[in-house]
Amino acid sequence: MPVKIWIGARDTITPPSQAMFLQDALSAQTSTEVAIDEHAAHFTYMNEPPPHTADPHPNRPTFLKTLATDLNRFFTT
């Protein structure tokens, strides 16, 4: 099963280095791709972020629509 990892460059909870570690660990077993969004942080990927969190993404609604399209493409291809 192929794996795609989406990560925000501004994620301080699960930083991109962890995604790269996971990609390295899985690459011998399956096709693994990492997509890094330069403006996204940890909670950018959530439909509704936790209260009192600040999201650095300049256009979160558009980001989430694009993410949904990318996820759909990944799972149906």
PDB file of N, CA and C in Angstrom:
ATOM      1  N   MET A   1       0.840  -1.155   0.000  1.00  0.00           N
ATOM      2  CA  MET A   1       0.000   0.000   0.000  1.00  0.00           C
ATOM      3  C   MET A   1       0.896   1.233   0.000  1.00  0.00           C
ATOM      4  N   PRO A   2       0.747   2.128  -0.941  1.00  0.00           N
ATOM      5  CA  PRO A   2       1.545   3.361  -0.936  1.00  0.00           C
ATOM      6  C   PRO A   2       1.149   4.270   0.230  1.00  0.00           C
ATOM      7  N   VAL A   3       2.090   5.101   0.646  1.00  0.00           N
ATOM      8  CA  VAL A   3       1.878   6.006   1.776  1.00  0.00           C
ATOM      9  C   VAL A   3       2.213   7.426   1.323  1.00  0.00           C
ATOM     10  N   LYS A   4       1.363   8.364   1.695  1.00  0.00           N
ATOM     11  CA  LYS A   4       1.659   9.778   1.484  1.00  0.00           C
ATOM     12  C   LYS A   4       1.491  10.482   2.818  1.00  0.00           C
ATOM     13  N   ILE A   5       2.490  11.277   3.174  1.00  0.00           N
ATOM     14  CA  ILE A   5       2.509  11.966   4.454  1.00  0.00           C
ATOM     15  C   ILE A   5       2.395  13.458   4.181  1.00  0.00           C
ATOM     16  N   TRP A   6       1.366  14.087   4.723  1.00  0.00           N
ATOM     17  CA  TRP A   6       1.195  15.535   4.601  1.00  0.00           C
ATOM     18  C   TRP A   6       1.695  16.153   5.894  1.00  0.00           C
ATOM     19  N   ILE A   7       2.517  17.202   5.780  1.00  0.00           N
ATOM     20  CA  ILE A   7       3.080  17.841   6.966  1.00  0.00           C
ATOM     21  C   ILE A   7       3.218  19.340   6.721  1.00  0.00           C
ATOM     22  N   GLY A   8       3.075  20.092   7.771  1.00  0.00           N
ATOM     23  CA  GLY A   8       3.271  21.535   7.687  1.00  0.00           C
ATOM     24  C   GLY A   8       4.699  21.903   8.066  1.00  0.00           C
ATOM     25  N   ALA A   9       5.312  22.771   7.297  1.00  0.00           N
ATOM     26  CA  ALA A   9       6.684  23.204   7.587  1.00  0.00           C
ATOM     27  C   ALA A   9       6.770  23.935   8.920  1.00  0.00           C
ATOM     28  N   ARG A  10       5.645  24.503   9.369  1.00  0.00           N
ATOM     29  CA  ARG A  10       5.628  25.254  10.630  1.00  0.00           C
ATOM     30  C   ARG A  10       5.090  24.426  11.801  1.00  0.00           C
ATOM     31  N   ASP A  11       5.033  23.123  11.625  1.00  0.00           N
ATOM     32  CA  ASP A  11       4.535  22.235  12.675  1.00  0.00           C
ATOM     33  C   ASP A  11       5.628  22.039  13.721  1.00  0.00           C
ATOM     34  N   THR A  12       5.379  22.510  14.931  1.00  0.00           N
ATOM     35  CA  THR A  12       6.347  22.343  16.016  1.00  0.00           C
ATOM     36  C   THR A  12       6.005  21.162  16.916  1.00  0.00           C
ATOM     37  N   ILE A  13       4.821  20.571  16.722  1.00  0.00           N
ATOM     38  CA  ILE A  13       4.412  19.408  17.520  1.00  0.00           C
ATOM     39  C   ILE A  13       4.936  18.127  16.880  1.00  0.00           C
ATOM     40  N   THR A  14       4.714  17.991  15.587  1.00  0.00           N
ATOM     41  CA  THR A  14       5.259  16.877  14.806  1.00  0.00           C
ATOM     42  C   THR A  14       6.020  17.504  13.645  1.00  0.00           C
ATOM     43  N   PRO A  15       7.268  17.862  13.840  1.00  0.00           N
ATOM     44  CA  PRO A  15       8.012  18.600  12.818  1.00  0.00           C
ATOM     45  C   PRO A  15       8.278  17.771  11.556  1.00  0.00           C
ATOM     46  N   PRO A  16       8.554  18.454  10.466  1.00  0.00           N
ATOM     47  CA  PRO A  16       8.827  17.757   9.206  1.00  0.00           C
ATOM     48  C   PRO A  16       9.920  16.696   9.318  1.00  0.00           C
ATOM     49  N   SER A  17      10.873  16.886  10.210  1.00  0.00           N
ATOM     50  CA  SER A  17      11.926  15.871  10.373  1.00  0.00           C
ATOM     51  C   SER A  17      11.341  14.518  10.756  1.00  0.00           C
ATOM     52  N   GLN A  18      10.225  14.507  11.477  1.00  0.00           N
ATOM     53  CA  GLN A  18       9.573  13.249  11.843  1.00  0.00           C
ATOM     54  C   GLN A  18       8.943  12.584  10.623  1.00  0.00           C
ATOM     55  N   ALA A  19       8.393  13.406   9.723  1.00  0.00           N
ATOM     56  CA  ALA A  19       7.823  12.866   8.489  1.00  0.00           C
ATOM     57  C   ALA A  19       8.923  12.259   7.624  1.00  0.00           C
ATOM     58  N   MET A  20      10.080  12.919   7.586  1.00  0.00           N
ATOM     59  CA  MET A  20      11.196  12.388   6.801  1.00  0.00           C
ATOM     60  C   MET A  20      11.719  11.086   7.416  1.00  0.00           C
ATOM     61  N   PHE A  21      11.748  11.023   8.743  1.00  0.00           N
ATOM     62  CA  PHE A  21      12.137   9.799   9.442  1.00  0.00           C
ATOM     63  C   PHE A  21      11.187   8.654   9.078  1.00  0.00           C
ATOM     64  N   LEU A  22       9.889   8.935   9.106  1.00  0.00           N
ATOM     65  CA  LEU A  22       8.889   7.930   8.768  1.00  0.00           C
ATOM     66  C   LEU A  22       9.036   7.490   7.312  1.00  0.00           C
ATOM     67  N   GLN A  23       9.259   8.450   6.421  1.00  0.00           N
ATOM     68  CA  GLN A  23       9.454   8.109   5.015  1.00  0.00           C
ATOM     69  C   GLN A  23      10.664   7.189   4.842  1.00  0.00           C
ATOM     70  N   ASP A  24      11.772   7.515   5.492  1.00  0.00           N
ATOM     71  CA  ASP A  24      12.965   6.668   5.410  1.00  0.00           C
ATOM     72  C   ASP A  24      12.695   5.263   5.947  1.00  0.00           C
ATOM     73  N   ALA A  25      11.945   5.190   7.039  1.00  0.00           N
ATOM     74  CA  ALA A  25      11.656   3.892   7.659  1.00  0.00           C
ATOM     75  C   ALA A  25      10.764   3.028   6.774  1.00  0.00           C
ATOM     76  N   LEU A  26       9.856   3.649   6.021  1.00  0.00           N
ATOM     77  CA  LEU A  26       8.904   2.892   5.205  1.00  0.00           C
ATOM     78  C   LEU A  26       9.351   2.667   3.770  1.00  0.00           C
ATOM     79  N   SER A  27      10.320   3.436   3.308  1.00  0.00           N
ATOM     80  CA  SER A  27      10.658   3.429   1.880  1.00  0.00           C
ATOM     81  C   SER A  27      11.136   2.075   1.347  1.00  0.00           C
ATOM     82  N   ALA A  28      11.705   1.242   2.195  1.00  0.00           N
ATOM     83  CA  ALA A  28      12.138  -0.082   1.742  1.00  0.00           C
ATOM     84  C   ALA A  28      10.960  -1.028   1.558  1.00  0.00           C
ATOM     85  N   GLN A  29       9.807  -0.682   2.160  1.00  0.00           N
ATOM     86  CA  GLN A  29       8.657  -1.573   2.121  1.00  0.00           C
ATOM     87  C   GLN A  29       7.565  -1.124   1.155  1.00  0.00           C
ATOM     88  N   THR A  30       7.500   0.182   0.877  1.00  0.00           N
ATOM     89  CA  THR A  30       6.415   0.686   0.045  1.00  0.00           C
ATOM     90  C   THR A  30       6.775   2.044  -0.539  1.00  0.00           C
ATOM     91  N   SER A  31       6.031   2.448  -1.529  1.00  0.00           N
ATOM     92  CA  SER A  31       6.182   3.778  -2.096  1.00  0.00           C
ATOM     93  C   SER A  31       5.723   4.804  -1.058  1.00  0.00           C
ATOM     94  N   THR A  32       6.604   5.746  -0.729  1.00  0.00           N
ATOM     95  CA  THR A  32       6.299   6.728   0.307  1.00  0.00           C
ATOM     96  C   THR A  32       6.641   8.119  -0.195  1.00  0.00           C
ATOM     97  N   GLU A  33       5.699   9.044  -0.050  1.00  0.00           N
ATOM     98  CA  GLU A  33       5.889  10.418  -0.493  1.00  0.00           C
ATOM     99  C   GLU A  33       5.545  11.368   0.642  1.00  0.00           C
ATOM    100  N   VAL A  34       6.311  12.454   0.756  1.00  0.00           N
ATOM    101  CA  VAL A  34       6.042  13.472   1.758  1.00  0.00           C
ATOM    102  C   VAL A  34       5.655  14.761   1.041  1.00  0.00           C
ATOM    103  N   ALA A  35       4.546  15.353   1.459  1.00  0.00           N
ATOM    104  CA  ALA A  35       4.109  16.652   0.931  1.00  0.00           C
ATOM    105  C   ALA A  35       4.216  17.663   2.066  1.00  0.00           C
ATOM    106  N   ILE A  36       5.065  18.680   1.879  1.00  0.00           N
ATOM    107  CA  ILE A  36       5.277  19.688   2.915  1.00  0.00           C
ATOM    108  C   ILE A  36       4.668  21.004   2.456  1.00  0.00           C
ATOM    109  N   ASP A  37       3.756  21.546   3.267  1.00  0.00           N
ATOM    110  CA  ASP A  37       3.177  22.854   2.971  1.00  0.00           C
ATOM    111  C   ASP A  37       3.927  23.892   3.797  1.00  0.00           C
ATOM    112  N   GLU A  38       4.536  24.853   3.132  1.00  0.00           N
ATOM    113  CA  GLU A  38       5.392  25.817   3.819  1.00  0.00           C
ATOM    114  C   GLU A  38       4.651  26.717   4.802  1.00  0.00           C
ATOM    115  N   HIS A  39       3.348  26.905   4.630  1.00  0.00           N
ATOM    116  CA  HIS A  39       2.588  27.801   5.505  1.00  0.00           C
ATOM    117  C   HIS A  39       1.808  27.076   6.596  1.00  0.00           C
ATOM    118  N   ALA A  40       1.749  25.768   6.537  1.00  0.00           N
ATOM    119  CA  ALA A  40       0.907  25.007   7.466  1.00  0.00           C
ATOM    120  C   ALA A  40       1.636  24.689   8.770  1.00  0.00           C
ATOM    121  N   ALA A  41       0.847  24.637   9.837  1.00  0.00           N
ATOM    122  CA  ALA A  41       1.332  24.203  11.143  1.00  0.00           C
ATOM    123  C   ALA A  41       0.569  22.924  11.522  1.00  0.00           C
ATOM    124  N   HIS A  42       0.703  22.497  12.756  1.00  0.00           N
ATOM    125  CA  HIS A  42       0.104  21.237  13.176  1.00  0.00           C
ATOM    126  C   HIS A  42      -1.417  21.238  13.058  1.00  0.00           C
ATOM    127  N   PHE A  43      -2.054  22.309  13.514  1.00  0.00           N
ATOM    128  CA  PHE A  43      -3.506  22.341  13.548  1.00  0.00           C
ATOM    129  C   PHE A  43      -4.146  22.833  12.251  1.00  0.00           C
ATOM    130  N   THR A  44      -3.343  23.238  11.289  1.00  0.00           N
ATOM    131  CA  THR A  44      -3.884  23.686   9.998  1.00  0.00           C
ATOM    132  C   THR A  44      -4.684  22.574   9.333  1.00  0.00           C
ATOM    133  N   TYR A  45      -4.312  21.339   9.565  1.00  0.00           N
ATOM    134  CA  TYR A  45      -4.938  20.190   8.911  1.00  0.00           C
ATOM    135  C   TYR A  45      -6.268  19.791   9.543  1.00  0.00           C
ATOM    136  N   MET A  46      -6.611  20.383  10.654  1.00  0.00           N
ATOM    137  CA  MET A  46      -7.849  20.041  11.339  1.00  0.00           C
ATOM    138  C   MET A  46      -9.006  20.887  10.818  1.00  0.00           C
ATOM    139  N   ASN A  47     -10.162  20.270  10.690  1.00  0.00           N
ATOM    140  CA  ASN A  47     -11.353  20.992  10.260  1.00  0.00           C
ATOM    141  C   ASN A  47     -11.654  22.150  11.211  1.00  0.00           C
ATOM    142  N   GLU A  48     -11.580  21.875  12.499  1.00  0.00           N
ATOM    143  CA  GLU A  48     -11.757  22.909  13.515  1.00  0.00           C
ATOM    144  C   GLU A  48     -10.604  22.788  14.508  1.00  0.00           C
ATOM    145  N   PRO A  49      -9.685  23.740  14.468  1.00  0.00           N
ATOM    146  CA  PRO A  49      -8.558  23.675  15.404  1.00  0.00           C
ATOM    147  C   PRO A  49      -9.012  23.851  16.850  1.00  0.00           C
ATOM    148  N   PRO A  50      -8.203  23.413  17.792  1.00  0.00           N
ATOM    149  CA  PRO A  50      -8.544  23.584  19.206  1.00  0.00           C
ATOM    150  C   PRO A  50      -8.694  25.067  19.556  1.00  0.00           C
ATOM    151  N   PRO A  51      -9.485  25.348  20.555  1.00  0.00           N
ATOM    152  CA  PRO A  51      -9.638  26.748  20.975  1.00  0.00           C
ATOM    153  C   PRO A  51      -8.295  27.342  21.413  1.00  0.00           C
ATOM    154  N   HIS A  52      -8.168  28.606  21.216  1.00  0.00           N
ATOM    155  CA  HIS A  52      -6.992  29.367  21.662  1.00  0.00           C
ATOM    156  C   HIS A  52      -5.709  28.977  20.928  1.00  0.00           C
ATOM    157  N   THR A  53      -5.836  28.424  19.723  1.00  0.00           N
ATOM    158  CA  THR A  53      -4.646  28.151  18.918  1.00  0.00           C
ATOM    159  C   THR A  53      -4.615  29.127  17.753  1.00  0.00           C
ATOM    160  N   ALA A  54      -3.431  29.526  17.390  1.00  0.00           N
ATOM    161  CA  ALA A  54      -3.258  30.441  16.256  1.00  0.00           C
ATOM    162  C   ALA A  54      -2.752  29.648  15.065  1.00  0.00           C
ATOM    163  N   ASP A  55      -3.356  29.870  13.917  1.00  0.00           N
ATOM    164  CA  ASP A  55      -2.952  29.174  12.704  1.00  0.00           C
ATOM    165  C   ASP A  55      -2.232  30.169  11.792  1.00  0.00           C
ATOM    166  N   PRO A  56      -0.990  29.869  11.407  1.00  0.00           N
ATOM    167  CA  PRO A  56      -0.223  30.805  10.586  1.00  0.00           C
ATOM    168  C   PRO A  56      -0.586  30.783   9.102  1.00  0.00           C
ATOM    169  N   HIS A  57      -1.419  29.833   8.681  1.00  0.00           N
ATOM    170  CA  HIS A  57      -1.710  29.719   7.249  1.00  0.00           C
ATOM    171  C   HIS A  57      -2.495  30.942   6.767  1.00  0.00           C
ATOM    172  N   PRO A  58      -2.051  31.556   5.666  1.00  0.00           N
ATOM    173  CA  PRO A  58      -2.718  32.773   5.192  1.00  0.00           C
ATOM    174  C   PRO A  58      -4.096  32.545   4.576  1.00  0.00           C
ATOM    175  N   ASN A  59      -4.381  31.304   4.131  1.00  0.00           N
ATOM    176  CA  ASN A  59      -5.678  31.035   3.505  1.00  0.00           C
ATOM    177  C   ASN A  59      -6.109  29.608   3.828  1.00  0.00           C
ATOM    178  N   ARG A  60      -6.470  29.404   5.055  1.00  0.00           N
ATOM    179  CA  ARG A  60      -6.819  28.066   5.538  1.00  0.00           C
ATOM    180  C   ARG A  60      -7.991  27.419   4.801  1.00  0.00           C
ATOM    181  N   PRO A  61      -9.083  28.134   4.491  1.00  0.00           N
ATOM    182  CA  PRO A  61     -10.185  27.487   3.767  1.00  0.00           C
ATOM    183  C   PRO A  61      -9.754  26.930   2.406  1.00  0.00           C
ATOM    184  N   THR A  62      -8.966  27.676   1.680  1.00  0.00           N
ATOM    185  CA  THR A  62      -8.477  27.192   0.379  1.00  0.00           C
ATOM    186  C   THR A  62      -7.526  26.021   0.572  1.00  0.00           C
ATOM    187  N   PHE A  63      -6.678  26.109   1.596  1.00  0.00           N
ATOM    188  CA  PHE A  63      -5.761  25.016   1.900  1.00  0.00           C
ATOM    189  C   PHE A  63      -6.532  23.730   2.163  1.00  0.00           C
ATOM    190  N   LEU A  64      -7.586  23.811   2.980  1.00  0.00           N
ATOM    191  CA  LEU A  64      -8.360  22.611   3.311  1.00  0.00           C
ATOM    192  C   LEU A  64      -9.084  22.036   2.095  1.00  0.00           C
ATOM    193  N   LYS A  65      -9.561  22.888   1.207  1.00  0.00           N
ATOM    194  CA  LYS A  65     -10.196  22.395  -0.031  1.00  0.00           C
ATOM    195  C   LYS A  65      -9.178  21.678  -0.903  1.00  0.00           C
ATOM    196  N   THR A  66      -7.997  22.258  -1.020  1.00  0.00           N
ATOM    197  CA  THR A  66      -6.939  21.624  -1.814  1.00  0.00           C
ATOM    198  C   THR A  66      -6.512  20.305  -1.182  1.00  0.00           C
ATOM    199  N   LEU A  67      -6.387  20.290   0.140  1.00  0.00           N
ATOM    200  CA  LEU A  67      -6.033  19.063   0.845  1.00  0.00           C
ATOM    201  C   LEU A  67      -7.071  17.975   0.598  1.00  0.00           C
ATOM    202  N   ALA A  68      -8.346  18.323   0.650  1.00  0.00           N
ATOM    203  CA  ALA A  68      -9.413  17.347   0.399  1.00  0.00           C
ATOM    204  C   ALA A  68      -9.309  16.783  -1.011  1.00  0.00           C
ATOM    205  N   THR A  69      -9.023  17.636  -1.972  1.00  0.00           N
ATOM    206  CA  THR A  69      -8.842  17.180  -3.356  1.00  0.00           C
ATOM    207  C   THR A  69      -7.645  16.243  -3.460  1.00  0.00           C
ATOM    208  N   ASP A  70      -6.537  16.616  -2.818  1.00  0.00           N
ATOM    209  CA  ASP A  70      -5.334  15.773  -2.847  1.00  0.00           C
ATOM    210  C   ASP A  70      -5.579  14.421  -2.178  1.00  0.00           C
ATOM    211  N   LEU A  71      -6.274  14.432  -1.054  1.00  0.00           N
ATOM    212  CA  LEU A  71      -6.588  13.171  -0.367  1.00  0.00           C
ATOM    213  C   LEU A  71      -7.473  12.282  -1.242  1.00  0.00           C
ATOM    214  N   ASN A  72      -8.477  12.872  -1.853  1.00  0.00           N
ATOM    215  CA  ASN A  72      -9.364  12.118  -2.732  1.00  0.00           C
ATOM    216  C   ASN A  72      -8.572  11.505  -3.886  1.00  0.00           C
ATOM    217  N   ARG A  73      -7.704  12.285  -4.474  1.00  0.00           N
ATOM    218  CA  ARG A  73      -6.885  11.799  -5.592  1.00  0.00           C
ATOM    219  C   ARG A  73      -5.998  10.641  -5.141  1.00  0.00           C
ATOM    220  N   PHE A  74      -5.384  10.786  -3.968  1.00  0.00           N
ATOM    221  CA  PHE A  74      -4.505   9.744  -3.454  1.00  0.00           C
ATOM    222  C   PHE A  74      -5.261   8.432  -3.227  1.00  0.00           C
ATOM    223  N   PHE A  75      -6.442   8.521  -2.629  1.00  0.00           N
ATOM    224  CA  PHE A  75      -7.179   7.313  -2.298  1.00  0.00           C
ATOM    225  C   PHE A  75      -7.917   6.682  -3.477  1.00  0.00           C
ATOM    226  N   THR A  76      -8.110   7.423  -4.548  1.00  0.00           N
ATOM    227  CA  THR A  76      -8.844   6.863  -5.691  1.00  0.00           C
ATOM    228  C   THR A  76      -7.948   6.552  -6.877  1.00  0.00           C
ATOM    229  N   THR A  77      -6.666   6.809  -6.736  1.00  0.00           N
ATOM    230  CA  THR A  77      -5.745   6.533  -7.855  1.00  0.00           C
ATOM    231  C   THR A  77      -5.061   5.213  -7.644  1.00  0.00           C
TER     232      THR A  77
END
